[in-house]
């Protein structure tokens, strides 16, 4: 099952348009941020080279995303990060054993098919009844990037000089459609690395450009 990441430029040409398709979501995120004493979703008057165009930034499959989350939980818990061919019961056990850590993680505690990361720095994902009924916990692009950098060495990635990210999908991928092929780099963590590189590209561009990351 495919999972796409898209970047939504937080520029006024999109956010202040009456036709903004993300207006309801941004209002919901602003409410959650405000209740946590945080600034609202930033909207920029002008960003050189940016328009209001929403574009894909990464694509991967759900299982590979959960494999990366498994690696992060193992690393966070001080356990050996070992490769596996497919998800098994150990991942579910990790989620149960380290539930509090999982719910405090921007990488782990996030719905796969909806929700967003915004370029506002806060320590743990935000949630309330409205968020959980809709897109799930709201993540921070800053927090996501920190967690990716934390787990990177366990996957053989230098976070200061990572490999080039895979090319993004050319358009939306249907949920039941298979994700694009994973680049075989000879690593036993090839699938985790593929997702890491896509998420890292999304997080760094989110912060550099002032964009919101959304799942689809």
C-alpha atoms as a PDB file:
ATOM      1  CA  UNK A   1       0.000   0.000   0.000  1.00  0.00           C
ATOM      2  CA  UNK A   2       1.412   3.337  -1.068  1.00  0.00           C
ATOM      3  CA  UNK A   3       1.908   6.412   1.101  1.00  0.00           C
ATOM      4  CA  UNK A   4       2.702   9.823  -0.395  1.00  0.00           C
ATOM      5  CA  UNK A   5       4.115  12.933   1.255  1.00  0.00           C
ATOM      6  CA  UNK A   6       3.266  16.345  -0.171  1.00  0.00           C
ATOM      7  CA  UNK A   7       4.613  19.800   0.591  1.00  0.00           C
ATOM      8  CA  UNK A   8       2.093  22.616   1.028  1.00  0.00           C
ATOM      9  CA  UNK A   9       3.817  26.032   0.763  1.00  0.00           C
ATOM     10  CA  UNK A  10       2.549  28.253   3.569  1.00  0.00           C
ATOM     11  CA  UNK A  11       2.373  31.348   1.405  1.00  0.00           C
ATOM     12  CA  UNK A  12      -0.415  33.882   1.300  1.00  0.00           C
ATOM     13  CA  UNK A  13      -1.290  33.160  -2.330  1.00  0.00           C
ATOM     14  CA  UNK A  14      -2.552  29.770  -1.130  1.00  0.00           C
ATOM     15  CA  UNK A  15      -3.412  30.220   2.549  1.00  0.00           C
ATOM     16  CA  UNK A  16      -5.351  33.481   2.116  1.00  0.00           C
ATOM     17  CA  UNK A  17      -7.216  32.298  -0.944  1.00  0.00           C
ATOM     18  CA  UNK A  18     -10.947  31.657  -0.480  1.00  0.00           C
ATOM     19  CA  UNK A  19     -10.375  28.436  -2.415  1.00  0.00           C
ATOM     20  CA  UNK A  20      -7.635  27.170  -0.085  1.00  0.00           C
ATOM     21  CA  UNK A  21      -8.320  23.415   0.180  1.00  0.00           C
ATOM     22  CA  UNK A  22      -6.433  23.273   3.493  1.00  0.00           C
ATOM     23  CA  UNK A  23      -8.330  26.083   5.241  1.00  0.00           C
ATOM     24  CA  UNK A  24     -10.215  23.813   7.652  1.00  0.00           C
ATOM     25  CA  UNK A  25      -7.115  21.805   8.530  1.00  0.00           C
ATOM     26  CA  UNK A  26      -4.998  24.911   9.156  1.00  0.00           C
ATOM     27  CA  UNK A  27      -7.735  26.372  11.396  1.00  0.00           C
ATOM     28  CA  UNK A  28      -7.775  23.126  13.373  1.00  0.00           C
ATOM     29  CA  UNK A  29      -3.975  23.159  13.681  1.00  0.00           C
ATOM     30  CA  UNK A  30      -4.019  26.809  14.777  1.00  0.00           C
ATOM     31  CA  UNK A  31      -6.507  25.908  17.524  1.00  0.00           C
ATOM     32  CA  UNK A  32      -4.356  23.039  18.802  1.00  0.00           C
ATOM     33  CA  UNK A  33      -1.184  25.152  18.672  1.00  0.00           C
ATOM     34  CA  UNK A  34      -2.872  28.049  20.471  1.00  0.00           C
ATOM     35  CA  UNK A  35      -4.180  25.805  23.251  1.00  0.00           C
ATOM     36  CA  UNK A  36      -0.610  24.547  23.736  1.00  0.00           C
ATOM     37  CA  UNK A  37       0.686  28.116  24.009  1.00  0.00           C
ATOM     38  CA  UNK A  38       2.454  27.904  20.657  1.00  0.00           C
ATOM     39  CA  UNK A  39       2.435  30.282  17.675  1.00  0.00           C
ATOM     40  CA  UNK A  40      -0.017  29.590  14.890  1.00  0.00           C
ATOM     41  CA  UNK A  41       0.882  27.977  11.574  1.00  0.00           C
ATOM     42  CA  UNK A  42       3.152  30.560   9.871  1.00  0.00           C
ATOM     43  CA  UNK A  43       1.971  32.124   6.636  1.00  0.00           C
ATOM     44  CA  UNK A  44       4.556  33.964   4.554  1.00  0.00           C
ATOM     45  CA  UNK A  45       3.856  36.984   2.378  1.00  0.00           C
ATOM     46  CA  UNK A  46       6.468  36.040  -0.178  1.00  0.00           C
ATOM     47  CA  UNK A  47       9.051  33.326  -0.689  1.00  0.00           C
ATOM     48  CA  UNK A  48      11.403  33.667  -3.677  1.00  0.00           C
ATOM     49  CA  UNK A  49      10.829  30.889  -6.155  1.00  0.00           C
ATOM     50  CA  UNK A  50       7.731  29.562  -4.416  1.00  0.00           C
ATOM     51  CA  UNK A  51       4.147  29.647  -5.541  1.00  0.00           C
ATOM     52  CA  UNK A  52       1.089  28.175  -3.899  1.00  0.00           C
ATOM     53  CA  UNK A  53       1.546  24.920  -5.787  1.00  0.00           C
ATOM     54  CA  UNK A  54       1.257  21.738  -3.737  1.00  0.00           C
ATOM     55  CA  UNK A  55       3.738  19.090  -4.876  1.00  0.00           C
ATOM     56  CA  UNK A  56       4.775  15.554  -3.927  1.00  0.00           C
ATOM     57  CA  UNK A  57       8.100  15.226  -2.116  1.00  0.00           C
ATOM     58  CA  UNK A  58       8.345  11.504  -1.290  1.00  0.00           C
ATOM     59  CA  UNK A  59       6.611   8.160  -1.664  1.00  0.00           C
ATOM     60  CA  UNK A  60       6.975   4.788   0.045  1.00  0.00           C
ATOM     61  CA  UNK A  61       4.871   1.929   1.352  1.00  0.00           C
ATOM     62  CA  UNK A  62       3.291   1.647   4.773  1.00  0.00           C
ATOM     63  CA  UNK A  63       5.271  -1.401   5.838  1.00  0.00           C
ATOM     64  CA  UNK A  64       8.571   0.365   5.119  1.00  0.00           C
ATOM     65  CA  UNK A  65       7.397   3.364   7.170  1.00  0.00           C
ATOM     66  CA  UNK A  66       6.635   1.058  10.113  1.00  0.00           C
ATOM     67  CA  UNK A  67      10.019  -0.621   9.723  1.00  0.00           C
ATOM     68  CA  UNK A  68      11.659   2.782  10.168  1.00  0.00           C
ATOM     69  CA  UNK A  69       9.463   3.473  13.204  1.00  0.00           C
ATOM     70  CA  UNK A  70      10.497   0.092  14.618  1.00  0.00           C
ATOM     71  CA  UNK A  71      14.179   0.997  14.171  1.00  0.00           C
ATOM     72  CA  UNK A  72      13.625   4.334  15.935  1.00  0.00           C
ATOM     73  CA  UNK A  73      11.898   2.705  18.924  1.00  0.00           C
ATOM     74  CA  UNK A  74      14.669   0.122  19.217  1.00  0.00           C
ATOM     75  CA  UNK A  75      17.312   2.856  19.160  1.00  0.00           C
ATOM     76  CA  UNK A  76      15.373   5.020  21.615  1.00  0.00           C
ATOM     77  CA  UNK A  77      14.965   2.110  24.014  1.00  0.00           C
ATOM     78  CA  UNK A  78      18.650   1.191  23.930  1.00  0.00           C
ATOM     79  CA  UNK A  79      18.018  -2.098  22.145  1.00  0.00           C
ATOM     80  CA  UNK A  80      19.943  -3.454  19.162  1.00  0.00           C
ATOM     81  CA  UNK A  81      18.631  -2.181  15.830  1.00  0.00           C
ATOM     82  CA  UNK A  82      18.421  -5.350  13.758  1.00  0.00           C
ATOM     83  CA  UNK A  83      17.082  -5.712  10.207  1.00  0.00           C
ATOM     84  CA  UNK A  84      13.999  -7.803   9.476  1.00  0.00           C
ATOM     85  CA  UNK A  85      12.413  -8.860   6.205  1.00  0.00           C
ATOM     86  CA  UNK A  86       8.893  -7.953   7.296  1.00  0.00           C
ATOM     87  CA  UNK A  87       6.985  -6.575  10.227  1.00  0.00           C
ATOM     88  CA  UNK A  88       6.344  -9.020  13.031  1.00  0.00           C
ATOM     89  CA  UNK A  89       5.088  -9.189  16.563  1.00  0.00           C
ATOM     90  CA  UNK A  90       8.179  -7.484  17.974  1.00  0.00           C
ATOM     91  CA  UNK A  91       7.003  -4.140  16.559  1.00  0.00           C
ATOM     92  CA  UNK A  92       3.633  -4.442  18.291  1.00  0.00           C
ATOM     93  CA  UNK A  93       5.424  -5.405  21.503  1.00  0.00           C
ATOM     94  CA  UNK A  94       7.649  -2.324  21.209  1.00  0.00           C
ATOM     95  CA  UNK A  95       4.590  -0.103  20.783  1.00  0.00           C
ATOM     96  CA  UNK A  96       3.024  -1.625  23.893  1.00  0.00           C
ATOM     97  CA  UNK A  97       6.167  -1.670  26.035  1.00  0.00           C
ATOM     98  CA  UNK A  98       7.211   1.856  25.140  1.00  0.00           C
ATOM     99  CA  UNK A  99       3.789   3.387  24.580  1.00  0.00           C
ATOM    100  CA  UNK A 100       4.665   6.681  26.264  1.00  0.00           C
ATOM    101  CA  UNK A 101       7.816   7.065  24.172  1.00  0.00           C
ATOM    102  CA  UNK A 102       5.888   6.172  21.023  1.00  0.00           C
ATOM    103  CA  UNK A 103       3.209   8.771  21.736  1.00  0.00           C
ATOM    104  CA  UNK A 104       5.915  11.378  22.336  1.00  0.00           C
ATOM    105  CA  UNK A 105       7.532  10.721  18.960  1.00  0.00           C
ATOM    106  CA  UNK A 106       6.815  12.830  15.880  1.00  0.00           C
ATOM    107  CA  UNK A 107       8.025   9.961  13.688  1.00  0.00           C
ATOM    108  CA  UNK A 108       6.101   7.147  15.363  1.00  0.00           C
ATOM    109  CA  UNK A 109       2.838   8.669  16.581  1.00  0.00           C
ATOM    110  CA  UNK A 110       1.306   9.858  13.358  1.00  0.00           C
ATOM    111  CA  UNK A 111      -1.466   8.560  11.140  1.00  0.00           C
ATOM    112  CA  UNK A 112      -0.152   7.097   7.893  1.00  0.00           C
ATOM    113  CA  UNK A 113      -2.850   8.323   5.544  1.00  0.00           C
ATOM    114  CA  UNK A 114      -3.622  11.826   6.860  1.00  0.00           C
ATOM    115  CA  UNK A 115      -2.416  14.550   9.176  1.00  0.00           C
ATOM    116  CA  UNK A 116       0.461  16.975   8.899  1.00  0.00           C
ATOM    117  CA  UNK A 117       3.772  18.293  10.140  1.00  0.00           C
ATOM    118  CA  UNK A 118       4.062  22.062  10.478  1.00  0.00           C
ATOM    119  CA  UNK A 119       7.238  24.210  10.671  1.00  0.00           C
ATOM    120  CA  UNK A 120       6.670  25.092  14.323  1.00  0.00           C
ATOM    121  CA  UNK A 121       8.984  23.652  16.993  1.00  0.00           C
ATOM    122  CA  UNK A 122       7.370  21.767  19.892  1.00  0.00           C
ATOM    123  CA  UNK A 123       8.640  18.753  21.840  1.00  0.00           C
ATOM    124  CA  UNK A 124       5.884  16.160  21.357  1.00  0.00           C
ATOM    125  CA  UNK A 125       3.003  15.671  18.904  1.00  0.00           C
ATOM    126  CA  UNK A 126      -0.164  17.614  19.703  1.00  0.00           C
ATOM    127  CA  UNK A 127      -3.534  15.907  19.902  1.00  0.00           C
ATOM    128  CA  UNK A 128      -7.088  16.522  20.941  1.00  0.00           C
ATOM    129  CA  UNK A 129     -10.409  14.911  20.073  1.00  0.00           C
ATOM    130  CA  UNK A 130     -10.797  16.928  16.875  1.00  0.00           C
ATOM    131  CA  UNK A 131      -7.299  16.112  15.647  1.00  0.00           C
ATOM    132  CA  UNK A 132      -7.662  12.425  16.421  1.00  0.00           C
ATOM    133  CA  UNK A 133     -11.031  12.268  14.660  1.00  0.00           C
ATOM    134  CA  UNK A 134      -9.503  13.866  11.574  1.00  0.00           C
ATOM    135  CA  UNK A 135      -5.888  13.616  10.552  1.00  0.00           C
ATOM    136  CA  UNK A 136      -4.430  12.367  13.799  1.00  0.00           C
ATOM    137  CA  UNK A 137      -1.722  13.922  15.983  1.00  0.00           C
ATOM    138  CA  UNK A 138      -0.105  17.105  14.674  1.00  0.00           C
ATOM    139  CA  UNK A 139       3.652  16.815  14.263  1.00  0.00           C
ATOM    140  CA  UNK A 140       6.501  19.312  14.167  1.00  0.00           C
ATOM    141  CA  UNK A 141       8.882  19.366  11.198  1.00  0.00           C
ATOM    142  CA  UNK A 142      11.647  20.316  13.638  1.00  0.00           C
ATOM    143  CA  UNK A 143      10.832  17.343  15.870  1.00  0.00           C
ATOM    144  CA  UNK A 144      10.635  14.958  12.929  1.00  0.00           C
ATOM    145  CA  UNK A 145      14.053  16.092  11.697  1.00  0.00           C
ATOM    146  CA  UNK A 146      15.606  15.626  15.159  1.00  0.00           C
ATOM    147  CA  UNK A 147      14.283  12.077  15.392  1.00  0.00           C
ATOM    148  CA  UNK A 148      15.466  11.208  11.890  1.00  0.00           C
ATOM    149  CA  UNK A 149      18.946  12.465  12.746  1.00  0.00           C
ATOM    150  CA  UNK A 150      18.872  10.396  15.958  1.00  0.00           C
ATOM    151  CA  UNK A 151      18.119   7.079  14.230  1.00  0.00           C
ATOM    152  CA  UNK A 152      20.246   7.710  11.118  1.00  0.00           C
ATOM    153  CA  UNK A 153      23.552   6.181  12.355  1.00  0.00           C
ATOM    154  CA  UNK A 154      21.790   2.900  13.178  1.00  0.00           C
ATOM    155  CA  UNK A 155      20.803   2.664   9.512  1.00  0.00           C
ATOM    156  CA  UNK A 156      24.273   3.505   8.217  1.00  0.00           C
ATOM    157  CA  UNK A 157      23.355   7.079   7.299  1.00  0.00           C
ATOM    158  CA  UNK A 158      25.462  10.124   8.119  1.00  0.00           C
ATOM    159  CA  UNK A 159      22.769  12.700   8.985  1.00  0.00           C
ATOM    160  CA  UNK A 160      25.174  15.549   8.174  1.00  0.00           C
ATOM    161  CA  UNK A 161      25.810  14.163   4.689  1.00  0.00           C
ATOM    162  CA  UNK A 162      22.990  11.807   3.675  1.00  0.00           C
ATOM    163  CA  UNK A 163      22.671  10.207   0.229  1.00  0.00           C
ATOM    164  CA  UNK A 164      20.447  11.885  -2.336  1.00  0.00           C
ATOM    165  CA  UNK A 165      16.758  11.350  -1.729  1.00  0.00           C
ATOM    166  CA  UNK A 166      14.754   9.157  -4.138  1.00  0.00           C
ATOM    167  CA  UNK A 167      12.732  10.960  -6.761  1.00  0.00           C
ATOM    168  CA  UNK A 168       9.191  11.812  -5.587  1.00  0.00           C
ATOM    169  CA  UNK A 169       6.121  10.343  -7.271  1.00  0.00           C
ATOM    170  CA  UNK A 170       5.103  12.240 -10.402  1.00  0.00           C
ATOM    171  CA  UNK A 171       1.535  12.466  -9.102  1.00  0.00           C
ATOM    172  CA  UNK A 172      -0.863  11.094  -6.486  1.00  0.00           C
ATOM    173  CA  UNK A 173      -0.591   7.380  -5.730  1.00  0.00           C
ATOM    174  CA  UNK A 174      -3.770   5.486  -4.958  1.00  0.00           C
ATOM    175  CA  UNK A 175      -3.936   3.836  -1.541  1.00  0.00           C
ATOM    176  CA  UNK A 176      -4.220   0.329  -2.996  1.00  0.00           C
ATOM    177  CA  UNK A 177      -1.544   0.998  -5.592  1.00  0.00           C
ATOM    178  CA  UNK A 178       1.932  -0.421  -4.918  1.00  0.00           C
ATOM    179  CA  UNK A 179       4.570   2.089  -3.961  1.00  0.00           C
ATOM    180  CA  UNK A 180       7.506   2.762  -6.235  1.00  0.00           C
ATOM    181  CA  UNK A 181      10.553   0.493  -6.130  1.00  0.00           C
ATOM    182  CA  UNK A 182      13.075   0.787  -3.314  1.00  0.00           C
ATOM    183  CA  UNK A 183      16.611   1.571  -4.407  1.00  0.00           C
ATOM    184  CA  UNK A 184      18.797  -1.445  -3.601  1.00  0.00           C
ATOM    185  CA  UNK A 185      21.872   0.057  -1.986  1.00  0.00           C
ATOM    186  CA  UNK A 186      23.179  -3.227  -0.609  1.00  0.00           C
ATOM    187  CA  UNK A 187      22.154  -2.381   2.958  1.00  0.00           C
ATOM    188  CA  UNK A 188      20.027  -4.742   5.058  1.00  0.00           C
ATOM    189  CA  UNK A 189      18.110  -1.569   6.001  1.00  0.00           C
ATOM    190  CA  UNK A 190      17.377  -0.564   2.388  1.00  0.00           C
ATOM    191  CA  UNK A 191      13.635  -0.089   2.997  1.00  0.00           C
ATOM    192  CA  UNK A 192      14.141   1.906   6.191  1.00  0.00           C
ATOM    193  CA  UNK A 193      16.772   4.060   4.460  1.00  0.00           C
ATOM    194  CA  UNK A 194      14.416   4.710   1.532  1.00  0.00           C
ATOM    195  CA  UNK A 195      11.735   6.059   3.872  1.00  0.00           C
ATOM    196  CA  UNK A 196      14.314   7.959   5.958  1.00  0.00           C
ATOM    197  CA  UNK A 197      15.600   9.790   2.883  1.00  0.00           C
ATOM    198  CA  UNK A 198      12.083  10.732   1.783  1.00  0.00           C
ATOM    199  CA  UNK A 199      11.076  11.991   5.227  1.00  0.00           C
ATOM    200  CA  UNK A 200      14.387  13.833   5.608  1.00  0.00           C
ATOM    201  CA  UNK A 201      13.879  15.602   2.271  1.00  0.00           C
ATOM    202  CA  UNK A 202      10.361  16.581   3.344  1.00  0.00           C
ATOM    203  CA  UNK A 203      11.456  17.853   6.783  1.00  0.00           C
ATOM    204  CA  UNK A 204      14.421  19.875   5.521  1.00  0.00           C
ATOM    205  CA  UNK A 205      12.388  21.457   2.724  1.00  0.00           C
ATOM    206  CA  UNK A 206       9.522  22.148   5.128  1.00  0.00           C
ATOM    207  CA  UNK A 207      11.862  24.174   7.331  1.00  0.00           C
ATOM    208  CA  UNK A 208      13.812  25.806   4.504  1.00  0.00           C
ATOM    209  CA  UNK A 209      10.761  26.820   2.489  1.00  0.00           C
ATOM    210  CA  UNK A 210       8.167  27.305   5.192  1.00  0.00           C
ATOM    211  CA  UNK A 211       5.967  24.451   4.017  1.00  0.00           C
ATOM    212  CA  UNK A 212       3.584  22.045   5.692  1.00  0.00           C
ATOM    213  CA  UNK A 213       4.036  18.286   5.149  1.00  0.00           C
ATOM    214  CA  UNK A 214       0.850  16.324   4.537  1.00  0.00           C
ATOM    215  CA  UNK A 215       0.233  12.610   4.072  1.00  0.00           C
ATOM    216  CA  UNK A 216      -2.031  11.347   1.334  1.00  0.00           C
END
